[in-house]
Amino acid sequence: MFDLSGNNILVFGGTGTLMSEISHSLVSHGANVIIVGRNKDKVEKLVSHENITFYKFDIQEDSIIILFDAIYKKYKYINMLINGAGINSSKDILETKYNDMLNLFHINFFFVVRCSQIYIEKTLQLNKPGKILNIGSISGITPLSKVFMYSASKAALHNFSKNIAREYGDKNITTNILVPGFFPAEQNREILSESRKKDILDHTPLHRFGEPNDLCGMVLLLASNMSNFINGSELVIDGGFNGTKI
């Protein structure tokens, strides 16, 4: 159903738990996947696949323009950009320093904005269709305790995504937001105490946390031509958490 043969898909943050699973799913359906991340060792087995290429990149140090130019020199055209890089913060509001805020917004929001700008520019130059998928968060829709600055950065990303969906939809560039619920991974395990786990599960009709492969079906749909009329949507995958009331 989701034949992505010949599609070039660029994945930022592809060494993380969720994004590496998504990358594996994409390549298993025929796509050429370009993973960008800091640590190749995390996905050593994954990048051994002939249709996966890894580019080492540090958001804080390396040039995004140079990276995009190198990728386009090799692949010529990118069918889809997935912005999945991000960090979390569990500091209390009153404990959060200005530099903490800058760093979190730099990675979770401003970097994604810049990647999206460059991708849109290159796609328009090629006069071809394009797809952007930004990885949001359920906390970008519903404020949650412990992660106020993370939530704010994701809320900004959700809004930005809808704006570029509006501005460039008529250029055949679609933008959507994948909104995971609670998927325990490296960046959020530290804030999941036993009592917090219980609160989350009690509020989730499926009564379990998300598994990485729970996201893959939606990503495959969005990467395929079957999603060409989906634009500016927040696609929530949370086991029913956000649709229920305590």
C-alpha atoms as a PDB file:
ATOM      1  CA  MET A   1       0.000   0.000   0.000  1.00  0.00           C
ATOM      2  CA  PHE A   2       2.772   2.428   0.919  1.00  0.00           C
ATOM      3  CA  ASP A   3       5.345   1.977  -1.837  1.00  0.00           C
ATOM      4  CA  LEU A   4       8.040   4.592  -1.302  1.00  0.00           C
ATOM      5  CA  SER A   5      10.486   3.193  -3.842  1.00  0.00           C
ATOM      6  CA  GLY A   6      12.816   5.904  -5.113  1.00  0.00           C
ATOM      7  CA  ASN A   7      11.705   8.479  -2.534  1.00  0.00           C
ATOM      8  CA  ASN A   8      14.457  10.371  -0.741  1.00  0.00           C
ATOM      9  CA  ILE A   9      13.507  11.169   2.858  1.00  0.00           C
ATOM     10  CA  LEU A  10      15.664  13.347   5.096  1.00  0.00           C
ATOM     11  CA  VAL A  11      15.329  12.608   8.821  1.00  0.00           C
ATOM     12  CA  PHE A  12      16.790  14.920  11.457  1.00  0.00           C
ATOM     13  CA  GLY A  13      17.205  13.369  14.889  1.00  0.00           C
ATOM     14  CA  GLY A  14      17.256   9.953  13.285  1.00  0.00           C
ATOM     15  CA  THR A  15      19.468   8.421  15.976  1.00  0.00           C
ATOM     16  CA  GLY A  16      16.798   8.746  18.672  1.00  0.00           C
ATOM     17  CA  THR A  17      14.577   5.880  19.779  1.00  0.00           C
ATOM     18  CA  LEU A  18      11.440   6.951  17.924  1.00  0.00           C
ATOM     19  CA  MET A  19      13.083   8.395  14.838  1.00  0.00           C
ATOM     20  CA  SER A  20      15.328   5.386  14.251  1.00  0.00           C
ATOM     21  CA  GLU A  21      12.253   3.130  14.296  1.00  0.00           C
ATOM     22  CA  ILE A  22      10.528   5.457  11.850  1.00  0.00           C
ATOM     23  CA  SER A  23      13.620   5.468   9.624  1.00  0.00           C
ATOM     24  CA  HIS A  24      13.697   1.674   9.599  1.00  0.00           C
ATOM     25  CA  SER A  25      10.029   1.546   8.621  1.00  0.00           C
ATOM     26  CA  LEU A  26      10.540   4.024   5.772  1.00  0.00           C
ATOM     27  CA  VAL A  27      13.475   2.128   4.290  1.00  0.00           C
ATOM     28  CA  SER A  28      11.607  -1.171   4.600  1.00  0.00           C
ATOM     29  CA  HIS A  29       8.986   0.337   2.279  1.00  0.00           C
ATOM     30  CA  GLY A  30      11.531   1.274  -0.374  1.00  0.00           C
ATOM     31  CA  ALA A  31      12.633   4.786   0.584  1.00  0.00           C
ATOM     32  CA  ASN A  32      16.171   6.091   0.553  1.00  0.00           C
ATOM     33  CA  VAL A  33      16.592   7.507   4.060  1.00  0.00           C
ATOM     34  CA  ILE A  34      19.155  10.141   4.964  1.00  0.00           C
ATOM     35  CA  ILE A  35      19.653  10.175   8.737  1.00  0.00           C
ATOM     36  CA  VAL A  36      21.164  13.243  10.394  1.00  0.00           C
ATOM     37  CA  GLY A  37      22.365  12.965  13.986  1.00  0.00           C
ATOM     38  CA  ARG A  38      25.268  13.263  16.369  1.00  0.00           C
ATOM     39  CA  ASN A  39      26.016   9.640  17.178  1.00  0.00           C
ATOM     40  CA  LYS A  40      26.299   7.053  14.443  1.00  0.00           C
ATOM     41  CA  ASP A  41      26.933   4.300  17.005  1.00  0.00           C
ATOM     42  CA  LYS A  42      23.301   4.534  18.134  1.00  0.00           C
ATOM     43  CA  VAL A  43      22.081   3.410  14.726  1.00  0.00           C
ATOM     44  CA  GLU A  44      25.083   1.375  13.540  1.00  0.00           C
ATOM     45  CA  LYS A  45      22.939  -1.633  12.635  1.00  0.00           C
ATOM     46  CA  LEU A  46      20.340   0.522  10.948  1.00  0.00           C
ATOM     47  CA  VAL A  47      22.769   2.530   8.808  1.00  0.00           C
ATOM     48  CA  SER A  48      24.372  -0.639   7.500  1.00  0.00           C
ATOM     49  CA  HIS A  49      21.374  -0.884   5.175  1.00  0.00           C
ATOM     50  CA  GLU A  50      22.305   0.107   1.629  1.00  0.00           C
ATOM     51  CA  ASN A  51      19.391   2.547   1.378  1.00  0.00           C
ATOM     52  CA  ILE A  52      20.331   4.489   4.514  1.00  0.00           C
ATOM     53  CA  THR A  53      22.987   7.186   4.622  1.00  0.00           C
ATOM     54  CA  PHE A  54      24.198   8.831   7.818  1.00  0.00           C
ATOM     55  CA  TYR A  55      25.426  12.401   8.142  1.00  0.00           C
ATOM     56  CA  LYS A  56      27.022  13.382  11.411  1.00  0.00           C
ATOM     57  CA  PHE A  57      25.829  16.807  12.507  1.00  0.00           C
ATOM     58  CA  ASP A  58      25.910  18.855  15.713  1.00  0.00           C
ATOM     59  CA  ILE A  59      23.163  21.477  15.863  1.00  0.00           C
ATOM     60  CA  GLN A  60      25.259  23.667  18.134  1.00  0.00           C
ATOM     61  CA  GLU A  61      28.409  23.600  15.998  1.00  0.00           C
ATOM     62  CA  ASP A  62      27.950  22.628  12.359  1.00  0.00           C
ATOM     63  CA  SER A  63      26.633  24.623   9.397  1.00  0.00           C
ATOM     64  CA  ILE A  64      23.152  23.659   8.278  1.00  0.00           C
ATOM     65  CA  ILE A  65      23.667  25.251   4.860  1.00  0.00           C
ATOM     66  CA  ILE A  66      26.781  23.159   4.200  1.00  0.00           C
ATOM     67  CA  LEU A  67      24.910  20.032   5.278  1.00  0.00           C
ATOM     68  CA  PHE A  68      21.934  20.663   2.985  1.00  0.00           C
ATOM     69  CA  ASP A  69      24.216  21.484   0.053  1.00  0.00           C
ATOM     70  CA  ALA A  70      26.096  18.202   0.534  1.00  0.00           C
ATOM     71  CA  ILE A  71      22.863  16.198   0.734  1.00  0.00           C
ATOM     72  CA  TYR A  72      21.359  17.838  -2.353  1.00  0.00           C
ATOM     73  CA  LYS A  73      24.585  17.377  -4.281  1.00  0.00           C
ATOM     74  CA  LYS A  74      24.211  13.631  -3.789  1.00  0.00           C
ATOM     75  CA  TYR A  75      20.420  13.184  -3.899  1.00  0.00           C
ATOM     76  CA  LYS A  76      19.334  16.119  -6.107  1.00  0.00           C
ATOM     77  CA  TYR A  77      15.804  16.098  -4.679  1.00  0.00           C
ATOM     78  CA  ILE A  78      14.295  15.333  -1.271  1.00  0.00           C
ATOM     79  CA  ASN A  79      10.699  14.127  -1.321  1.00  0.00           C
ATOM     80  CA  MET A  80      10.142  14.619   2.379  1.00  0.00           C
ATOM     81  CA  LEU A  81      11.800  16.365   5.312  1.00  0.00           C
ATOM     82  CA  ILE A  82      11.178  14.992   8.805  1.00  0.00           C
ATOM     83  CA  ASN A  83      12.238  17.301  11.626  1.00  0.00           C
ATOM     84  CA  GLY A  84      12.627  15.023  14.625  1.00  0.00           C
ATOM     85  CA  ALA A  85      15.539  16.504  16.554  1.00  0.00           C
ATOM     86  CA  GLY A  86      14.695  17.743  20.031  1.00  0.00           C
ATOM     87  CA  ILE A  87      15.592  17.951  23.709  1.00  0.00           C
ATOM     88  CA  ASN A  88      13.537  18.023  26.883  1.00  0.00           C
ATOM     89  CA  SER A  89      13.744  19.926  30.154  1.00  0.00           C
ATOM     90  CA  SER A  90      12.068  19.047  33.430  1.00  0.00           C
ATOM     91  CA  LYS A  91      13.080  22.145  35.386  1.00  0.00           C
ATOM     92  CA  ASP A  92      10.525  24.058  37.386  1.00  0.00           C
ATOM     93  CA  ILE A  93       9.425  27.387  35.922  1.00  0.00           C
ATOM     94  CA  LEU A  94      11.220  29.394  38.606  1.00  0.00           C
ATOM     95  CA  GLU A  95      14.409  27.338  38.225  1.00  0.00           C
ATOM     96  CA  THR A  96      14.711  27.783  34.476  1.00  0.00           C
ATOM     97  CA  LYS A  97      17.436  30.199  33.451  1.00  0.00           C
ATOM     98  CA  TYR A  98      17.435  32.362  30.348  1.00  0.00           C
ATOM     99  CA  ASN A  99      20.223  30.374  28.705  1.00  0.00           C
ATOM    100  CA  ASP A 100      18.271  27.152  29.328  1.00  0.00           C
ATOM    101  CA  MET A 101      15.335  28.646  27.454  1.00  0.00           C
ATOM    102  CA  LEU A 102      17.522  29.809  24.574  1.00  0.00           C
ATOM    103  CA  ASN A 103      19.155  26.415  24.167  1.00  0.00           C
ATOM    104  CA  LEU A 104      15.870  24.510  24.227  1.00  0.00           C
ATOM    105  CA  PHE A 105      14.177  26.846  21.764  1.00  0.00           C
ATOM    106  CA  HIS A 106      17.270  26.836  19.554  1.00  0.00           C
ATOM    107  CA  ILE A 107      17.058  23.066  19.102  1.00  0.00           C
ATOM    108  CA  ASN A 108      13.316  22.428  19.309  1.00  0.00           C
ATOM    109  CA  PHE A 109      12.093  25.436  17.368  1.00  0.00           C
ATOM    110  CA  PHE A 110      14.585  27.742  15.634  1.00  0.00           C
ATOM    111  CA  PHE A 111      16.613  24.898  14.131  1.00  0.00           C
ATOM    112  CA  VAL A 112      13.449  23.308  12.731  1.00  0.00           C
ATOM    113  CA  VAL A 113      12.396  26.663  11.294  1.00  0.00           C
ATOM    114  CA  ARG A 114      15.742  27.034   9.543  1.00  0.00           C
ATOM    115  CA  CYS A 115      15.664  23.487   8.144  1.00  0.00           C
ATOM    116  CA  SER A 116      12.146  24.080   6.861  1.00  0.00           C
ATOM    117  CA  GLN A 117      13.149  27.377   5.232  1.00  0.00           C
ATOM    118  CA  ILE A 118      16.053  25.796   3.369  1.00  0.00           C
ATOM    119  CA  TYR A 119      13.974  22.793   2.309  1.00  0.00           C
ATOM    120  CA  ILE A 120      11.174  24.997   0.991  1.00  0.00           C
ATOM    121  CA  GLU A 121      13.648  27.186  -0.911  1.00  0.00           C
ATOM    122  CA  LYS A 122      15.297  24.192  -2.572  1.00  0.00           C
ATOM    123  CA  THR A 123      11.981  22.513  -3.378  1.00  0.00           C
ATOM    124  CA  LEU A 124      10.638  25.691  -4.989  1.00  0.00           C
ATOM    125  CA  GLN A 125      13.830  26.044  -7.035  1.00  0.00           C
ATOM    126  CA  LEU A 126      13.321  22.524  -8.354  1.00  0.00           C
ATOM    127  CA  ASN A 127       9.637  23.253  -9.039  1.00  0.00           C
ATOM    128  CA  LYS A 128       8.626  19.945  -7.478  1.00  0.00           C
ATOM    129  CA  PRO A 129       6.200  18.904  -4.736  1.00  0.00           C
ATOM    130  CA  GLY A 130       7.462  18.569  -1.192  1.00  0.00           C
ATOM    131  CA  LYS A 131       6.422  17.277   2.205  1.00  0.00           C
ATOM    132  CA  ILE A 132       7.450  18.449   5.660  1.00  0.00           C
ATOM    133  CA  LEU A 133       6.666  16.482   8.808  1.00  0.00           C
ATOM    134  CA  ASN A 134       7.485  18.179  12.085  1.00  0.00           C
ATOM    135  CA  ILE A 135       7.497  16.129  15.267  1.00  0.00           C
ATOM    136  CA  GLY A 136       5.398  17.915  17.846  1.00  0.00           C
ATOM    137  CA  SER A 137       4.190  16.788  21.253  1.00  0.00           C
ATOM    138  CA  ILE A 138       0.941  16.254  23.083  1.00  0.00           C
ATOM    139  CA  SER A 139       2.245  18.890  25.524  1.00  0.00           C
ATOM    140  CA  GLY A 140       2.231  21.362  22.637  1.00  0.00           C
ATOM    141  CA  ILE A 141      -1.566  21.022  22.641  1.00  0.00           C
ATOM    142  CA  THR A 142      -2.333  20.381  26.308  1.00  0.00           C
ATOM    143  CA  PRO A 143       0.000  21.927  28.940  1.00  0.00           C
ATOM    144  CA  LEU A 144       1.495  19.234  31.147  1.00  0.00           C
ATOM    145  CA  SER A 145       3.331  19.486  34.454  1.00  0.00           C
ATOM    146  CA  LYS A 146       7.130  19.219  34.653  1.00  0.00           C
ATOM    147  CA  VAL A 147       7.815  20.228  31.035  1.00  0.00           C
ATOM    148  CA  PHE A 148       6.631  23.819  30.685  1.00  0.00           C
ATOM    149  CA  MET A 149       9.496  25.119  28.485  1.00  0.00           C
ATOM    150  CA  TYR A 150       9.486  22.004  26.306  1.00  0.00           C
ATOM    151  CA  SER A 151       5.722  22.437  25.932  1.00  0.00           C
ATOM    152  CA  ALA A 152       6.160  26.077  24.935  1.00  0.00           C
ATOM    153  CA  SER A 153       8.734  25.209  22.266  1.00  0.00           C
ATOM    154  CA  LYS A 154       6.484  22.507  20.816  1.00  0.00           C
ATOM    155  CA  ALA A 155       3.440  24.805  20.854  1.00  0.00           C
ATOM    156  CA  ALA A 156       5.494  27.314  18.842  1.00  0.00           C
ATOM    157  CA  LEU A 157       6.447  24.540  16.426  1.00  0.00           C
ATOM    158  CA  HIS A 158       2.814  23.502  15.979  1.00  0.00           C
ATOM    159  CA  ASN A 159       1.856  27.090  15.150  1.00  0.00           C
ATOM    160  CA  PHE A 160       4.777  27.566  12.758  1.00  0.00           C
ATOM    161  CA  SER A 161       3.903  24.323  10.968  1.00  0.00           C
ATOM    162  CA  LYS A 162       0.328  25.444  10.377  1.00  0.00           C
ATOM    163  CA  ASN A 163       1.556  28.761   9.054  1.00  0.00           C
ATOM    164  CA  ILE A 164       3.873  27.261   6.457  1.00  0.00           C
ATOM    165  CA  ALA A 165       1.137  24.783   5.533  1.00  0.00           C
ATOM    166  CA  ARG A 166      -1.040  27.799   4.751  1.00  0.00           C
ATOM    167  CA  GLU A 167       1.666  29.779   2.959  1.00  0.00           C
ATOM    168  CA  TYR A 168       3.086  27.043   0.731  1.00  0.00           C
ATOM    169  CA  GLY A 169       0.203  24.653   0.209  1.00  0.00           C
ATOM    170  CA  ASP A 170      -0.541  26.298  -3.123  1.00  0.00           C
ATOM    171  CA  LYS A 171       3.054  25.528  -4.141  1.00  0.00           C
ATOM    172  CA  ASN A 172       2.335  21.829  -3.565  1.00  0.00           C
ATOM    173  CA  ILE A 173       4.376  21.705  -0.358  1.00  0.00           C
ATOM    174  CA  THR A 174       2.419  20.134   2.493  1.00  0.00           C
ATOM    175  CA  THR A 175       3.338  20.458   6.162  1.00  0.00           C
ATOM    176  CA  ASN A 176       1.937  18.419   9.018  1.00  0.00           C
ATOM    177  CA  ILE A 177       2.678  17.810  12.679  1.00  0.00           C
ATOM    178  CA  LEU A 178       2.994  14.316  14.122  1.00  0.00           C
ATOM    179  CA  VAL A 179       1.911  14.531  17.764  1.00  0.00           C
ATOM    180  CA  PRO A 180       3.082  11.597  19.888  1.00  0.00           C
ATOM    181  CA  GLY A 181       1.521  11.069  23.277  1.00  0.00           C
ATOM    182  CA  PHE A 182       3.596   9.318  25.945  1.00  0.00           C
ATOM    183  CA  PHE A 183       6.388   7.333  24.335  1.00  0.00           C
ATOM    184  CA  PRO A 184       9.073   6.778  27.009  1.00  0.00           C
ATOM    185  CA  ALA A 185      12.433   7.499  25.403  1.00  0.00           C
ATOM    186  CA  GLU A 186      15.808   8.932  26.336  1.00  0.00           C
ATOM    187  CA  GLN A 187      14.657  12.525  26.631  1.00  0.00           C
ATOM    188  CA  ASN A 188      11.668  11.962  28.910  1.00  0.00           C
ATOM    189  CA  ARG A 189      12.489   8.945  31.102  1.00  0.00           C
ATOM    190  CA  GLU A 190      13.893  11.175  33.850  1.00  0.00           C
ATOM    191  CA  ILE A 191      10.524  12.793  34.541  1.00  0.00           C
ATOM    192  CA  LEU A 192       8.515   9.567  34.628  1.00  0.00           C
ATOM    193  CA  SER A 193       8.257   8.693  38.308  1.00  0.00           C
ATOM    194  CA  GLU A 194       6.072   5.761  39.303  1.00  0.00           C
ATOM    195  CA  SER A 195       3.250   8.067  40.403  1.00  0.00           C
ATOM    196  CA  ARG A 196       3.452  10.004  37.130  1.00  0.00           C
ATOM    197  CA  LYS A 197       3.364   6.775  35.130  1.00  0.00           C
ATOM    198  CA  LYS A 198       0.213   5.739  36.985  1.00  0.00           C
ATOM    199  CA  ASP A 199      -1.455   9.118  36.338  1.00  0.00           C
ATOM    200  CA  ILE A 200      -0.691   8.879  32.628  1.00  0.00           C
ATOM    201  CA  LEU A 201      -1.881   5.307  32.231  1.00  0.00           C
ATOM    202  CA  ASP A 202      -5.058   5.966  34.220  1.00  0.00           C
ATOM    203  CA  HIS A 203      -5.816   8.810  31.812  1.00  0.00           C
ATOM    204  CA  THR A 204      -5.073   6.760  28.668  1.00  0.00           C
ATOM    205  CA  PRO A 205      -7.978   4.585  27.442  1.00  0.00           C
ATOM    206  CA  LEU A 206      -5.593   2.005  25.944  1.00  0.00           C
ATOM    207  CA  HIS A 207      -3.855   1.920  29.342  1.00  0.00           C
ATOM    208  CA  ARG A 208      -0.323   1.625  27.985  1.00  0.00           C
ATOM    209  CA  PHE A 209       2.519   3.793  26.753  1.00  0.00           C
ATOM    210  CA  GLY A 210       3.204   4.152  23.081  1.00  0.00           C
ATOM    211  CA  GLU A 211       5.737   1.902  21.372  1.00  0.00           C
ATOM    212  CA  PRO A 212       8.008   3.323  18.650  1.00  0.00           C
ATOM    213  CA  ASN A 213       6.304   1.279  15.919  1.00  0.00           C
ATOM    214  CA  ASP A 214       2.930   2.805  16.861  1.00  0.00           C
ATOM    215  CA  LEU A 215       4.013   5.940  14.980  1.00  0.00           C
ATOM    216  CA  CYS A 216       5.168   4.227  11.804  1.00  0.00           C
ATOM    217  CA  GLY A 217       1.796   3.729  10.116  1.00  0.00           C
ATOM    218  CA  MET A 218       0.998   7.443  10.219  1.00  0.00           C
ATOM    219  CA  VAL A 219       4.455   8.399   8.952  1.00  0.00           C
ATOM    220  CA  LEU A 220       4.185   5.928   6.077  1.00  0.00           C
ATOM    221  CA  LEU A 221       0.809   7.401   5.154  1.00  0.00           C
ATOM    222  CA  LEU A 222       2.169  10.950   5.222  1.00  0.00           C
ATOM    223  CA  ALA A 223       5.213   9.983   3.148  1.00  0.00           C
ATOM    224  CA  SER A 224       3.052   8.355   0.484  1.00  0.00           C
ATOM    225  CA  ASN A 225       0.922   9.895  -2.249  1.00  0.00           C
ATOM    226  CA  MET A 226      -2.175   8.775  -0.335  1.00  0.00           C
ATOM    227  CA  SER A 227      -1.747  11.785   1.976  1.00  0.00           C
ATOM    228  CA  ASN A 228      -1.458  14.494  -0.674  1.00  0.00           C
ATOM    229  CA  PHE A 229      -4.563  16.330   0.603  1.00  0.00           C
ATOM    230  CA  ILE A 230      -3.474  16.276   4.248  1.00  0.00           C
ATOM    231  CA  ASN A 231      -1.983  19.662   5.111  1.00  0.00           C
ATOM    232  CA  GLY A 232      -1.655  21.704   8.297  1.00  0.00           C
ATOM    233  CA  SER A 233      -2.907  18.861  10.496  1.00  0.00           C
ATOM    234  CA  GLU A 234      -1.942  17.906  14.035  1.00  0.00           C
ATOM    235  CA  LEU A 235      -2.021  14.126  13.831  1.00  0.00           C
ATOM    236  CA  VAL A 236      -2.299  12.865  17.393  1.00  0.00           C
ATOM    237  CA  ILE A 237      -1.061   9.365  18.267  1.00  0.00           C
ATOM    238  CA  ASP A 238      -1.633   9.041  22.005  1.00  0.00           C
ATOM    239  CA  GLY A 239      -3.876   6.084  22.792  1.00  0.00           C
ATOM    240  CA  GLY A 240      -6.761   8.461  23.487  1.00  0.00           C
ATOM    241  CA  PHE A 241      -4.993  10.506  26.209  1.00  0.00           C
ATOM    242  CA  ASN A 242      -5.866  13.930  24.806  1.00  0.00           C
ATOM    243  CA  GLY A 243      -9.458  13.060  23.990  1.00  0.00           C
ATOM    244  CA  THR A 244     -10.491  12.058  27.480  1.00  0.00           C
ATOM    245  CA  LYS A 245     -11.281  13.912  30.674  1.00  0.00           C
ATOM    246  CA  ILE A 246     -10.269  12.959  34.173  1.00  0.00           C
END
